[in-house]
Amino acid sequence: MKRAELITNLLCYENRANLMFATGQTRNKIDEIYDDDDLSEEFKIY
């Protein structure tokens, strides 16, 4: 694998992990604020 390709792949994985973390944090905050089962279901990560 070329070095540039490897670096690009690592950046993509890091961005995906950050996005998943941010989505989880957002869902937790929504649960805190509204504490609504229906709302938390919509934002659940599958």
C-alpha atoms as a PDB file:
ATOM      1  CA  MET A   1       0.000   0.000   0.000  1.00  0.00           C
ATOM      2  CA  LYS A   2       1.309   3.431  -0.878  1.00  0.00           C
ATOM      3  CA  ARG A   3       2.162   5.739   1.970  1.00  0.00           C
ATOM      4  CA  ALA A   4      -0.262   8.476   0.852  1.00  0.00           C
ATOM      5  CA  GLU A   5      -3.074   5.936   0.588  1.00  0.00           C
ATOM      6  CA  LEU A   6      -2.325   4.660   4.083  1.00  0.00           C
ATOM      7  CA  ILE A   7      -2.398   8.183   5.541  1.00  0.00           C
ATOM      8  CA  THR A   8      -5.681   8.920   3.750  1.00  0.00           C
ATOM      9  CA  ASN A   9      -7.244   5.733   5.137  1.00  0.00           C
ATOM     10  CA  LEU A  10      -6.112   6.557   8.665  1.00  0.00           C
ATOM     11  CA  LEU A  11      -7.635  10.041   8.400  1.00  0.00           C
ATOM     12  CA  CYS A  12     -10.918   8.572   7.155  1.00  0.00           C
ATOM     13  CA  TYR A  13     -11.074   6.137  10.086  1.00  0.00           C
ATOM     14  CA  GLU A  14     -10.280   8.931  12.542  1.00  0.00           C
ATOM     15  CA  ASN A  15     -13.008  11.158  11.097  1.00  0.00           C
ATOM     16  CA  ARG A  16     -15.524   8.311  11.236  1.00  0.00           C
ATOM     17  CA  ALA A  17     -14.651   7.639  14.882  1.00  0.00           C
ATOM     18  CA  ASN A  18     -14.975  11.330  15.738  1.00  0.00           C
ATOM     19  CA  LEU A  19     -18.337  11.510  13.978  1.00  0.00           C
ATOM     20  CA  MET A  20     -19.645   8.457  15.840  1.00  0.00           C
ATOM     21  CA  PHE A  21     -18.436   9.903  19.134  1.00  0.00           C
ATOM     22  CA  ALA A  22     -20.044  13.287  18.409  1.00  0.00           C
ATOM     23  CA  THR A  23     -23.325  11.601  17.434  1.00  0.00           C
ATOM     24  CA  GLY A  24     -23.294   9.611  20.669  1.00  0.00           C
ATOM     25  CA  GLN A  25     -22.596  12.740  22.704  1.00  0.00           C
ATOM     26  CA  THR A  26     -25.437  14.581  20.960  1.00  0.00           C
ATOM     27  CA  ARG A  27     -27.847  11.739  21.698  1.00  0.00           C
ATOM     28  CA  ASN A  28     -26.786  11.707  25.354  1.00  0.00           C
ATOM     29  CA  LYS A  29     -27.365  15.462  25.622  1.00  0.00           C
ATOM     30  CA  ILE A  30     -30.795  15.152  23.979  1.00  0.00           C
ATOM     31  CA  ASP A  31     -31.687  12.392  26.439  1.00  0.00           C
ATOM     32  CA  GLU A  32     -30.598  14.642  29.317  1.00  0.00           C
ATOM     33  CA  ILE A  33     -32.611  17.624  28.133  1.00  0.00           C
ATOM     34  CA  TYR A  34     -35.834  15.942  27.020  1.00  0.00           C
ATOM     35  CA  ASP A  35     -35.699  12.536  28.719  1.00  0.00           C
ATOM     36  CA  ASP A  36     -38.187  11.321  26.134  1.00  0.00           C
ATOM     37  CA  ASP A  37     -38.171   7.672  25.017  1.00  0.00           C
ATOM     38  CA  ASP A  38     -39.529   8.453  21.546  1.00  0.00           C
ATOM     39  CA  LEU A  39     -36.897  11.110  20.911  1.00  0.00           C
ATOM     40  CA  SER A  40     -34.002   8.983  22.129  1.00  0.00           C
ATOM     41  CA  GLU A  41     -35.186   6.137  19.870  1.00  0.00           C
ATOM     42  CA  GLU A  42     -34.876   8.392  16.815  1.00  0.00           C
ATOM     43  CA  PHE A  43     -31.282   9.280  17.636  1.00  0.00           C
ATOM     44  CA  LYS A  44     -30.179   5.780  18.574  1.00  0.00           C
ATOM     45  CA  ILE A  45     -27.017   4.501  16.878  1.00  0.00           C
ATOM     46  CA  TYR A  46     -27.715   1.169  15.231  1.00  0.00           C
END
